[in-house]
PDB file of N, CA and C in Angstrom:
ATOM      1  N   MET A   1       8.279  30.793 -54.081  1.00  0.00           N
ATOM      2  CA  MET A   1       8.188  32.411 -54.013  1.00  0.00           C
ATOM      3  C   MET A   1       9.303  33.014 -53.573  1.00  0.00           C
ATOM      4  N   PHE A   2       9.728  34.299 -54.022  1.00  0.00           N
ATOM      5  CA  PHE A   2      10.680  35.045 -53.781  1.00  0.00           C
ATOM      6  C   PHE A   2      10.187  35.900 -52.485  1.00  0.00           C
ATOM      7  N   ASP A   3      11.411  35.961 -51.675  1.00  0.00           N
ATOM      8  CA  ASP A   3      11.293  36.907 -50.492  1.00  0.00           C
ATOM      9  C   ASP A   3      11.748  38.374 -50.869  1.00  0.00           C
ATOM     10  N   ARG A   4      10.809  39.191 -51.376  1.00  0.00           N
ATOM     11  CA  ARG A   4      11.168  40.430 -51.898  1.00  0.00           C
ATOM     12  C   ARG A   4      12.149  41.345 -51.074  1.00  0.00           C
ATOM     13  N   GLY A   5      11.767  41.465 -49.914  1.00  0.00           N
ATOM     14  CA  GLY A   5      12.619  42.050 -48.819  1.00  0.00           C
ATOM     15  C   GLY A   5      14.149  41.660 -48.862  1.00  0.00           C
ATOM     16  N   ARG A   6      14.231  40.408 -48.726  1.00  0.00           N
ATOM     17  CA  ARG A   6      15.575  39.718 -48.644  1.00  0.00           C
ATOM     18  C   ARG A   6      16.213  39.935 -50.084  1.00  0.00           C
ATOM     19  N   ILE A   7      15.782  39.920 -51.239  1.00  0.00           N
ATOM     20  CA  ILE A   7      16.279  40.212 -52.561  1.00  0.00           C
ATOM     21  C   ILE A   7      16.872  41.584 -52.401  1.00  0.00           C
ATOM     22  N   ILE A   8      15.942  42.669 -51.893  1.00  0.00           N
ATOM     23  CA  ILE A   8      16.181  44.102 -51.927  1.00  0.00           C
ATOM     24  C   ILE A   8      17.553  44.421 -51.088  1.00  0.00           C
ATOM     25  N   VAL A   9      17.689  43.707 -50.051  1.00  0.00           N
ATOM     26  CA  VAL A   9      18.479  43.817 -49.051  1.00  0.00           C
ATOM     27  C   VAL A   9      19.995  43.381 -49.712  1.00  0.00           C
ATOM     28  N   VAL A  10      19.912  42.249 -50.438  1.00  0.00           N
ATOM     29  CA  VAL A  10      21.095  41.746 -51.182  1.00  0.00           C
ATOM     30  C   VAL A  10      21.741  42.663 -52.157  1.00  0.00           C
ATOM     31  N   LEU A  11      20.632  43.332 -52.906  1.00  0.00           N
ATOM     32  CA  LEU A  11      20.968  43.952 -54.135  1.00  0.00           C
ATOM     33  C   LEU A  11      21.616  45.592 -53.343  1.00  0.00           C
ATOM     34  N   LEU A  12      20.996  45.889 -52.411  1.00  0.00           N
ATOM     35  CA  LEU A  12      21.623  47.086 -51.790  1.00  0.00           C
ATOM     36  C   LEU A  12      22.997  47.017 -51.342  1.00  0.00           C
ATOM     37  N   LEU A  13      23.260  45.719 -50.796  1.00  0.00           N
ATOM     38  CA  LEU A  13      24.770  45.475 -50.204  1.00  0.00           C
ATOM     39  C   LEU A  13      25.537  45.208 -51.377  1.00  0.00           C
ATOM     40  N   TYR A  14      25.213  44.671 -52.420  1.00  0.00           N
ATOM     41  CA  TYR A  14      25.922  44.456 -53.632  1.00  0.00           C
ATOM     42  C   TYR A  14      26.421  45.963 -54.232  1.00  0.00           C
ATOM     43  N   PHE A  15      25.389  46.888 -54.295  1.00  0.00           N
ATOM     44  CA  PHE A  15      25.754  48.229 -54.843  1.00  0.00           C
ATOM     45  C   PHE A  15      26.407  49.265 -53.873  1.00  0.00           C
ATOM     46  N   ALA A  16      27.066  48.636 -52.691  1.00  0.00           N
ATOM     47  CA  ALA A  16      27.794  49.296 -51.726  1.00  0.00           C
ATOM     48  C   ALA A  16      27.062  50.684 -51.305  1.00  0.00           C
ATOM     49  N   PRO A  17      26.353  50.611 -50.282  1.00  0.00           N
ATOM     50  CA  PRO A  17      25.630  51.914 -49.769  1.00  0.00           C
ATOM     51  C   PRO A  17      26.811  52.616 -49.171  1.00  0.00           C
ATOM     52  N   SER A  18      26.672  54.029 -49.432  1.00  0.00           N
ATOM     53  CA  SER A  18      27.565  54.920 -48.774  1.00  0.00           C
ATOM     54  C   SER A  18      27.420  55.189 -47.398  1.00  0.00           C
ATOM     55  N   ALA A  19      28.460  55.361 -46.684  1.00  0.00           N
ATOM     56  CA  ALA A  19      28.491  55.524 -45.227  1.00  0.00           C
ATOM     57  C   ALA A  19      27.976  56.945 -44.899  1.00  0.00           C
ATOM     58  N   SER A  20      28.121  57.971 -45.935  1.00  0.00           N
ATOM     59  CA  SER A  20      27.595  59.325 -45.502  1.00  0.00           C
ATOM     60  C   SER A  20      26.151  59.305 -45.066  1.00  0.00           C
ATOM     61  N   GLY A  21      25.403  58.683 -45.456  1.00  0.00           N
ATOM     62  CA  GLY A  21      24.005  58.794 -45.165  1.00  0.00           C
ATOM     63  C   GLY A  21      23.436  59.937 -45.515  1.00  0.00           C
ATOM     64  N   ALA A  22      23.637  60.691 -46.677  1.00  0.00           N
ATOM     65  CA  ALA A  22      23.250  61.783 -47.114  1.00  0.00           C
ATOM     66  C   ALA A  22      21.737  61.909 -47.569  1.00  0.00           C
ATOM     67  N   CYS A  23      21.295  60.766 -48.035  1.00  0.00           N
ATOM     68  CA  CYS A  23      19.778  60.524 -48.491  1.00  0.00           C
ATOM     69  C   CYS A  23      18.854  60.779 -47.472  1.00  0.00           C
ATOM     70  N   PRO A  24      17.705  61.419 -47.554  1.00  0.00           N
ATOM     71  CA  PRO A  24      16.745  61.640 -46.491  1.00  0.00           C
ATOM     72  C   PRO A  24      15.651  60.700 -46.564  1.00  0.00           C
ATOM     73  N   GLY A  25      15.131  60.478 -45.452  1.00  0.00           N
ATOM     74  CA  GLY A  25      13.866  59.554 -45.358  1.00  0.00           C
ATOM     75  C   GLY A  25      14.154  58.166 -45.643  1.00  0.00           C
ATOM     76  N   ARG A  26      13.239  57.602 -46.333  1.00  0.00           N
ATOM     77  CA  ARG A  26      13.519  55.948 -46.489  1.00  0.00           C
ATOM     78  C   ARG A  26      14.240  55.871 -47.694  1.00  0.00           C
ATOM     79  N   TYR A  27      15.230  56.501 -47.938  1.00  0.00           N
ATOM     80  CA  TYR A  27      16.139  56.353 -49.085  1.00  0.00           C
ATOM     81  C   TYR A  27      17.623  55.917 -48.590  1.00  0.00           C
ATOM     82  N   VAL A  28      18.157  55.064 -49.537  1.00  0.00           N
ATOM     83  CA  VAL A  28      19.650  54.779 -48.972  1.00  0.00           C
ATOM     84  C   VAL A  28      20.494  55.260 -50.152  1.00  0.00           C
ATOM     85  N   GLU A  29      21.536  55.946 -49.854  1.00  0.00           N
ATOM     86  CA  GLU A  29      22.666  56.397 -50.685  1.00  0.00           C
ATOM     87  C   GLU A  29      23.450  55.226 -51.408  1.00  0.00           C
ATOM     88  N   LEU A  30      23.433  55.114 -52.609  1.00  0.00           N
ATOM     89  CA  LEU A  30      24.326  54.131 -53.452  1.00  0.00           C
ATOM     90  C   LEU A  30      25.310  54.919 -54.267  1.00  0.00           C
ATOM     91  N   GLN A  31      26.378  54.140 -54.567  1.00  0.00           N
ATOM     92  CA  GLN A  31      27.564  54.709 -55.319  1.00  0.00           C
ATOM     93  C   GLN A  31      27.072  54.632 -56.852  1.00  0.00           C
ATOM     94  N   GLY A  32      27.080  55.648 -57.508  1.00  0.00           N
ATOM     95  CA  GLY A  32      26.809  55.399 -59.008  1.00  0.00           C
ATOM     96  C   GLY A  32      26.090  56.392 -59.603  1.00  0.00           C
ATOM     97  N   ASP A  33      25.557  56.300 -60.902  1.00  0.00           N
ATOM     98  CA  ASP A  33      24.742  57.188 -61.627  1.00  0.00           C
ATOM     99  C   ASP A  33      24.073  56.372 -62.642  1.00  0.00           C
ATOM    100  N   LEU A  34      22.891  56.863 -63.313  1.00  0.00           N
ATOM    101  CA  LEU A  34      22.210  56.579 -64.331  1.00  0.00           C
ATOM    102  C   LEU A  34      22.551  57.563 -65.560  1.00  0.00           C
ATOM    103  N   PRO A  35      22.747  57.159 -66.597  1.00  0.00           N
ATOM    104  CA  PRO A  35      23.198  57.943 -67.770  1.00  0.00           C
ATOM    105  C   PRO A  35      21.914  58.895 -68.001  1.00  0.00           C
ATOM    106  N   GLY A  36      22.323  60.335 -68.566  1.00  0.00           N
ATOM    107  CA  GLY A  36      21.251  61.102 -68.730  1.00  0.00           C
ATOM    108  C   GLY A  36      20.836  62.083 -67.508  1.00  0.00           C
ATOM    109  N   TRP A  37      19.906  62.950 -67.750  1.00  0.00           N
ATOM    110  CA  TRP A  37      19.463  63.632 -66.765  1.00  0.00           C
ATOM    111  C   TRP A  37      17.928  63.399 -66.263  1.00  0.00           C
ATOM    112  N   GLY A  38      17.795  62.250 -65.636  1.00  0.00           N
ATOM    113  CA  GLY A  38      16.742  61.757 -65.141  1.00  0.00           C
ATOM    114  C   GLY A  38      15.473  61.334 -66.304  1.00  0.00           C
ATOM    115  N   THR A  39      14.400  61.310 -65.880  1.00  0.00           N
ATOM    116  CA  THR A  39      13.264  60.671 -66.766  1.00  0.00           C
ATOM    117  C   THR A  39      12.204  61.751 -66.858  1.00  0.00           C
ATOM    118  N   TYR A  40      11.150  61.175 -67.467  1.00  0.00           N
ATOM    119  CA  TYR A  40       9.922  61.912 -67.723  1.00  0.00           C
ATOM    120  C   TYR A  40       9.392  62.341 -66.304  1.00  0.00           C
ATOM    121  N   LEU A  41       9.705  61.861 -65.248  1.00  0.00           N
ATOM    122  CA  LEU A  41       9.309  62.273 -63.951  1.00  0.00           C
ATOM    123  C   LEU A  41       9.856  63.574 -63.277  1.00  0.00           C
ATOM    124  N   GLY A  42      11.112  63.875 -63.942  1.00  0.00           N
ATOM    125  CA  GLY A  42      11.432  64.973 -63.644  1.00  0.00           C
ATOM    126  C   GLY A  42      13.066  65.090 -63.871  1.00  0.00           C
ATOM    127  N   LYS A  43      13.444  66.173 -64.579  1.00  0.00           N
ATOM    128  CA  LYS A  43      14.893  66.361 -64.959  1.00  0.00           C
ATOM    129  C   LYS A  43      15.382  67.732 -64.579  1.00  0.00           C
ATOM    130  N   LYS A  44      16.550  67.963 -64.014  1.00  0.00           N
ATOM    131  CA  LYS A  44      17.109  69.114 -63.781  1.00  0.00           C
ATOM    132  C   LYS A  44      16.268  70.013 -62.967  1.00  0.00           C
ATOM    133  N   LEU A  45      15.661  69.589 -62.048  1.00  0.00           N
ATOM    134  CA  LEU A  45      14.663  70.262 -61.132  1.00  0.00           C
ATOM    135  C   LEU A  45      15.496  71.018 -60.267  1.00  0.00           C
ATOM    136  N   ASN A  46      15.044  72.534 -59.990  1.00  0.00           N
ATOM    137  CA  ASN A  46      15.830  73.356 -59.107  1.00  0.00           C
ATOM    138  C   ASN A  46      15.236  73.134 -57.755  1.00  0.00           C
ATOM    139  N   LEU A  47      15.558  72.123 -57.007  1.00  0.00           N
ATOM    140  CA  LEU A  47      14.746  71.796 -55.525  1.00  0.00           C
ATOM    141  C   LEU A  47      15.940  71.594 -54.600  1.00  0.00           C
ATOM    142  N   ASP A  48      15.565  71.765 -53.367  1.00  0.00           N
ATOM    143  CA  ASP A  48      16.466  71.348 -52.308  1.00  0.00           C
ATOM    144  C   ASP A  48      16.407  69.662 -52.103  1.00  0.00           C
ATOM    145  N   LEU A  49      17.239  69.322 -51.370  1.00  0.00           N
ATOM    146  CA  LEU A  49      17.303  67.915 -51.220  1.00  0.00           C
ATOM    147  C   LEU A  49      15.887  67.223 -50.653  1.00  0.00           C
ATOM    148  N   GLU A  50      15.391  67.961 -49.738  1.00  0.00           N
ATOM    149  CA  GLU A  50      14.181  67.366 -49.041  1.00  0.00           C
ATOM    150  C   GLU A  50      13.020  67.482 -50.161  1.00  0.00           C
ATOM    151  N   SER A  51      12.947  68.637 -50.933  1.00  0.00           N
ATOM    152  CA  SER A  51      11.791  68.644 -51.779  1.00  0.00           C
ATOM    153  C   SER A  51      11.954  67.633 -52.943  1.00  0.00           C
ATOM    154  N   CYS A  52      13.287  67.468 -53.360  1.00  0.00           N
ATOM    155  CA  CYS A  52      13.486  66.371 -54.287  1.00  0.00           C
ATOM    156  C   CYS A  52      13.034  65.150 -53.921  1.00  0.00           C
ATOM    157  N   LYS A  53      13.268  64.659 -52.469  1.00  0.00           N
ATOM    158  CA  LYS A  53      12.637  63.563 -52.054  1.00  0.00           C
ATOM    159  C   LYS A  53      11.282  63.556 -51.995  1.00  0.00           C
ATOM    160  N   ASP A  54      10.671  64.622 -51.574  1.00  0.00           N
ATOM    161  CA  ASP A  54       9.150  64.572 -51.508  1.00  0.00           C
ATOM    162  C   ASP A  54       8.528  64.399 -52.909  1.00  0.00           C
ATOM    163  N   LYS A  55       9.187  65.040 -54.129  1.00  0.00           N
ATOM    164  CA  LYS A  55       8.693  64.992 -55.294  1.00  0.00           C
ATOM    165  C   LYS A  55       8.775  63.494 -55.689  1.00  0.00           C
ATOM    166  N   CYS A  56       9.873  62.669 -55.505  1.00  0.00           N
ATOM    167  CA  CYS A  56       9.986  61.279 -55.734  1.00  0.00           C
ATOM    168  C   CYS A  56       8.877  60.552 -54.901  1.00  0.00           C
ATOM    169  N   ASP A  57       8.607  60.830 -53.782  1.00  0.00           N
ATOM    170  CA  ASP A  57       7.671  60.171 -52.787  1.00  0.00           C
ATOM    171  C   ASP A  57       6.340  60.179 -53.558  1.00  0.00           C
ATOM    172  N   LEU A  58       5.952  61.333 -54.162  1.00  0.00           N
ATOM    173  CA  LEU A  58       4.568  61.471 -54.666  1.00  0.00           C
ATOM    174  C   LEU A  58       4.338  60.535 -55.978  1.00  0.00           C
ATOM    175  N   GLU A  59       5.324  60.038 -56.642  1.00  0.00           N
ATOM    176  CA  GLU A  59       5.373  59.169 -57.849  1.00  0.00           C
ATOM    177  C   GLU A  59       5.640  57.756 -57.538  1.00  0.00           C
ATOM    178  N   ASP A  60       4.688  56.981 -57.766  1.00  0.00           N
ATOM    179  CA  ASP A  60       4.912  55.526 -57.450  1.00  0.00           C
ATOM    180  C   ASP A  60       5.945  54.939 -58.638  1.00  0.00           C
ATOM    181  N   ALA A  61       6.071  55.532 -59.678  1.00  0.00           N
ATOM    182  CA  ALA A  61       7.090  54.959 -60.596  1.00  0.00           C
ATOM    183  C   ALA A  61       8.478  55.600 -60.452  1.00  0.00           C
ATOM    184  N   CYS A  62       8.566  56.377 -59.347  1.00  0.00           N
ATOM    185  CA  CYS A  62       9.924  56.887 -59.027  1.00  0.00           C
ATOM    186  C   CYS A  62      10.615  55.922 -57.839  1.00  0.00           C
ATOM    187  N   LYS A  63      11.675  55.514 -58.503  1.00  0.00           N
ATOM    188  CA  LYS A  63      12.467  54.523 -57.608  1.00  0.00           C
ATOM    189  C   LYS A  63      13.917  54.902 -57.037  1.00  0.00           C
ATOM    190  N   SER A  64      14.113  56.095 -57.673  1.00  0.00           N
ATOM    191  CA  SER A  64      15.554  56.703 -57.170  1.00  0.00           C
ATOM    192  C   SER A  64      15.388  58.155 -57.580  1.00  0.00           C
ATOM    193  N   PHE A  65      16.371  58.945 -57.034  1.00  0.00           N
ATOM    194  CA  PHE A  65      16.677  60.226 -57.387  1.00  0.00           C
ATOM    195  C   PHE A  65      18.225  60.501 -57.263  1.00  0.00           C
ATOM    196  N   GLU A  66      18.685  61.444 -58.193  1.00  0.00           N
ATOM    197  CA  GLU A  66      20.003  61.843 -58.133  1.00  0.00           C
ATOM    198  C   GLU A  66      19.802  63.444 -57.823  1.00  0.00           C
ATOM    199  N   TYR A  67      20.898  63.723 -56.705  1.00  0.00           N
ATOM    200  CA  TYR A  67      20.796  65.223 -56.343  1.00  0.00           C
ATOM    201  C   TYR A  67      22.073  65.762 -56.619  1.00  0.00           C
ATOM    202  N   ILE A  68      22.367  66.760 -57.119  1.00  0.00           N
ATOM    203  CA  ILE A  68      23.857  67.315 -57.567  1.00  0.00           C
ATOM    204  C   ILE A  68      23.936  68.665 -56.767  1.00  0.00           C
ATOM    205  N   PHE A  69      24.963  68.500 -56.008  1.00  0.00           N
ATOM    206  CA  PHE A  69      25.432  69.640 -55.148  1.00  0.00           C
ATOM    207  C   PHE A  69      26.334  70.503 -56.002  1.00  0.00           C
ATOM    208  N   THR A  70      25.911  71.640 -56.797  1.00  0.00           N
ATOM    209  CA  THR A  70      26.854  72.633 -57.202  1.00  0.00           C
ATOM    210  C   THR A  70      26.330  73.849 -56.913  1.00  0.00           C
ATOM    211  N   ASP A  71      26.717  74.861 -57.561  1.00  0.00           N
ATOM    212  CA  ASP A  71      26.364  76.306 -57.491  1.00  0.00           C
ATOM    213  C   ASP A  71      24.646  76.389 -57.620  1.00  0.00           C
ATOM    214  N   ARG A  72      24.269  75.470 -58.328  1.00  0.00           N
ATOM    215  CA  ARG A  72      22.819  75.348 -58.619  1.00  0.00           C
ATOM    216  C   ARG A  72      22.204  73.988 -58.381  1.00  0.00           C
ATOM    217  N   ALA A  73      21.639  73.587 -57.271  1.00  0.00           N
ATOM    218  CA  ALA A  73      21.249  72.316 -56.989  1.00  0.00           C
ATOM    219  C   ALA A  73      20.265  71.811 -57.923  1.00  0.00           C
ATOM    220  N   LEU A  74      20.509  70.400 -58.462  1.00  0.00           N
ATOM    221  CA  LEU A  74      19.684  69.876 -59.387  1.00  0.00           C
ATOM    222  C   LEU A  74      19.163  68.561 -58.945  1.00  0.00           C
ATOM    223  N   CYS A  75      17.898  68.223 -59.233  1.00  0.00           N
ATOM    224  CA  CYS A  75      17.280  66.933 -58.802  1.00  0.00           C
ATOM    225  C   CYS A  75      16.843  66.474 -60.192  1.00  0.00           C
ATOM    226  N   ASN A  76      17.223  64.944 -60.163  1.00  0.00           N
ATOM    227  CA  ASN A  76      16.643  64.075 -61.369  1.00  0.00           C
ATOM    228  C   ASN A  76      15.929  62.946 -60.720  1.00  0.00           C
ATOM    229  N   LEU A  77      14.728  62.684 -61.220  1.00  0.00           N
ATOM    230  CA  LEU A  77      13.916  61.546 -60.581  1.00  0.00           C
ATOM    231  C   LEU A  77      14.023  60.246 -61.813  1.00  0.00           C
ATOM    232  N   ASN A  78      14.341  59.096 -61.211  1.00  0.00           N
ATOM    233  CA  ASN A  78      14.523  58.051 -61.920  1.00  0.00           C
ATOM    234  C   ASN A  78      13.247  56.974 -61.827  1.00  0.00           C
ATOM    235  N   THR A  79      13.137  56.042 -62.881  1.00  0.00           N
ATOM    236  CA  THR A  79      12.432  54.857 -62.695  1.00  0.00           C
ATOM    237  C   THR A  79      12.972  53.694 -62.350  1.00  0.00           C
ATOM    238  N   ALA A  80      14.489  53.687 -62.332  1.00  0.00           N
ATOM    239  CA  ALA A  80      15.125  52.657 -62.078  1.00  0.00           C
ATOM    240  C   ALA A  80      15.859  52.878 -60.691  1.00  0.00           C
ATOM    241  N   THR A  81      16.072  51.707 -60.004  1.00  0.00           N
ATOM    242  CA  THR A  81      16.423  51.621 -58.595  1.00  0.00           C
ATOM    243  C   THR A  81      17.862  51.881 -58.367  1.00  0.00           C
ATOM    244  N   PHE A  82      18.549  51.193 -59.164  1.00  0.00           N
ATOM    245  CA  PHE A  82      19.993  50.886 -59.160  1.00  0.00           C
ATOM    246  C   PHE A  82      20.857  51.572 -60.105  1.00  0.00           C
ATOM    247  N   PRO A  83      21.945  52.375 -59.713  1.00  0.00           N
ATOM    248  CA  PRO A  83      22.785  53.079 -60.891  1.00  0.00           C
ATOM    249  C   PRO A  83      23.584  51.922 -61.707  1.00  0.00           C
ATOM    250  N   THR A  84      23.857  52.424 -62.916  1.00  0.00           N
ATOM    251  CA  THR A  84      24.472  51.549 -63.873  1.00  0.00           C
ATOM    252  C   THR A  84      25.941  51.903 -64.270  1.00  0.00           C
ATOM    253  N   GLN A  85      26.460  53.070 -63.660  1.00  0.00           N
ATOM    254  CA  GLN A  85      27.715  53.530 -64.059  1.00  0.00           C
ATOM    255  C   GLN A  85      28.322  54.201 -62.953  1.00  0.00           C
ATOM    256  N   ASP A  86      29.428  54.662 -63.049  1.00  0.00           N
ATOM    257  CA  ASP A  86      30.271  55.382 -62.041  1.00  0.00           C
ATOM    258  C   ASP A  86      29.658  56.717 -61.658  1.00  0.00           C
ATOM    259  N   PRO A  87      29.812  57.132 -60.358  1.00  0.00           N
ATOM    260  CA  PRO A  87      29.134  58.440 -59.828  1.00  0.00           C
ATOM    261  C   PRO A  87      29.466  59.508 -60.905  1.00  0.00           C
ATOM    262  N   TYR A  88      28.746  60.627 -60.887  1.00  0.00           N
ATOM    263  CA  TYR A  88      28.942  61.822 -61.520  1.00  0.00           C
ATOM    264  C   TYR A  88      29.107  63.021 -60.701  1.00  0.00           C
ATOM    265  N   LEU A  89      30.327  63.570 -60.730  1.00  0.00           N
ATOM    266  CA  LEU A  89      30.753  64.811 -59.939  1.00  0.00           C
ATOM    267  C   LEU A  89      30.225  64.713 -58.533  1.00  0.00           C
ATOM    268  N   HIS A  90      29.514  65.786 -58.086  1.00  0.00           N
ATOM    269  CA  HIS A  90      29.177  65.877 -56.847  1.00  0.00           C
ATOM    270  C   HIS A  90      27.774  65.565 -56.432  1.00  0.00           C
ATOM    271  N   GLN A  91      27.368  64.395 -57.039  1.00  0.00           N
ATOM    272  CA  GLN A  91      26.118  63.935 -57.094  1.00  0.00           C
ATOM    273  C   GLN A  91      25.846  62.782 -55.993  1.00  0.00           C
ATOM    274  N   ILE A  92      24.733  62.665 -55.395  1.00  0.00           N
ATOM    275  CA  ILE A  92      24.376  61.590 -54.570  1.00  0.00           C
ATOM    276  C   ILE A  92      23.255  60.912 -55.169  1.00  0.00           C
ATOM    277  N   PHE A  93      23.178  59.503 -55.297  1.00  0.00           N
ATOM    278  CA  PHE A  93      22.387  58.824 -55.783  1.00  0.00           C
ATOM    279  C   PHE A  93      21.532  58.006 -54.774  1.00  0.00           C
ATOM    280  N   CYS A  94      20.141  58.350 -54.469  1.00  0.00           N
ATOM    281  CA  CYS A  94      19.298  57.929 -53.506  1.00  0.00           C
ATOM    282  C   CYS A  94      18.266  56.976 -53.911  1.00  0.00           C
ATOM    283  N   ALA A  95      18.360  55.730 -53.639  1.00  0.00           N
ATOM    284  CA  ALA A  95      17.337  54.738 -53.982  1.00  0.00           C
ATOM    285  C   ALA A  95      16.298  54.598 -52.804  1.00  0.00           C
ATOM    286  N   LYS A  96      14.951  54.354 -53.351  1.00  0.00           N
ATOM    287  CA  LYS A  96      13.771  54.306 -52.533  1.00  0.00           C
ATOM    288  C   LYS A  96      13.743  52.877 -51.822  1.00  0.00           C
ATOM    289  N   ILE A  97      13.661  52.682 -50.576  1.00  0.00           N
ATOM    290  CA  ILE A  97      13.626  51.312 -49.916  1.00  0.00           C
ATOM    291  C   ILE A  97      12.154  51.137 -50.074  1.00  0.00           C
ATOM    292  N   SER A  98      11.940  49.799 -50.647  1.00  0.00           N
ATOM    293  CA  SER A  98      10.451  49.258 -50.714  1.00  0.00           C
ATOM    294  C   SER A  98      10.144  48.920 -49.164  1.00  0.00           C
ATOM    295  N   THR A  99       8.800  49.322 -48.976  1.00  0.00           N
ATOM    296  CA  THR A  99       8.436  48.773 -47.511  1.00  0.00           C
ATOM    297  C   THR A  99       7.280  47.706 -47.561  1.00  0.00           C
ATOM    298  N   SER A 100       7.000  47.453 -49.014  1.00  0.00           N
ATOM    299  CA  SER A 100       5.994  46.179 -49.286  1.00  0.00           C
ATOM    300  C   SER A 100       6.597  44.962 -49.345  1.00  0.00           C
TER     301      SER A 100
END
């Protein structure tokens, strides 16, 4: 049987968590991006960082969010936990840490 907690820690270390600690709550910042502008859970939402986290928290299917710091803050909610490509502009990628 797999130790899910140990697997998550190994994957988080592999994806090089950022030292900036910009992600709120039980999220860890990872370096990278998912292609596109979020999923059916939320795309280009005009929310502040904490509200973006709160919206992801409300959705079981939300595994991460991307937050873009520009003249207009944008929040994208994702069903994937890990980024698949290089970071995009002034964006942070915040992955939900599983507590189960």
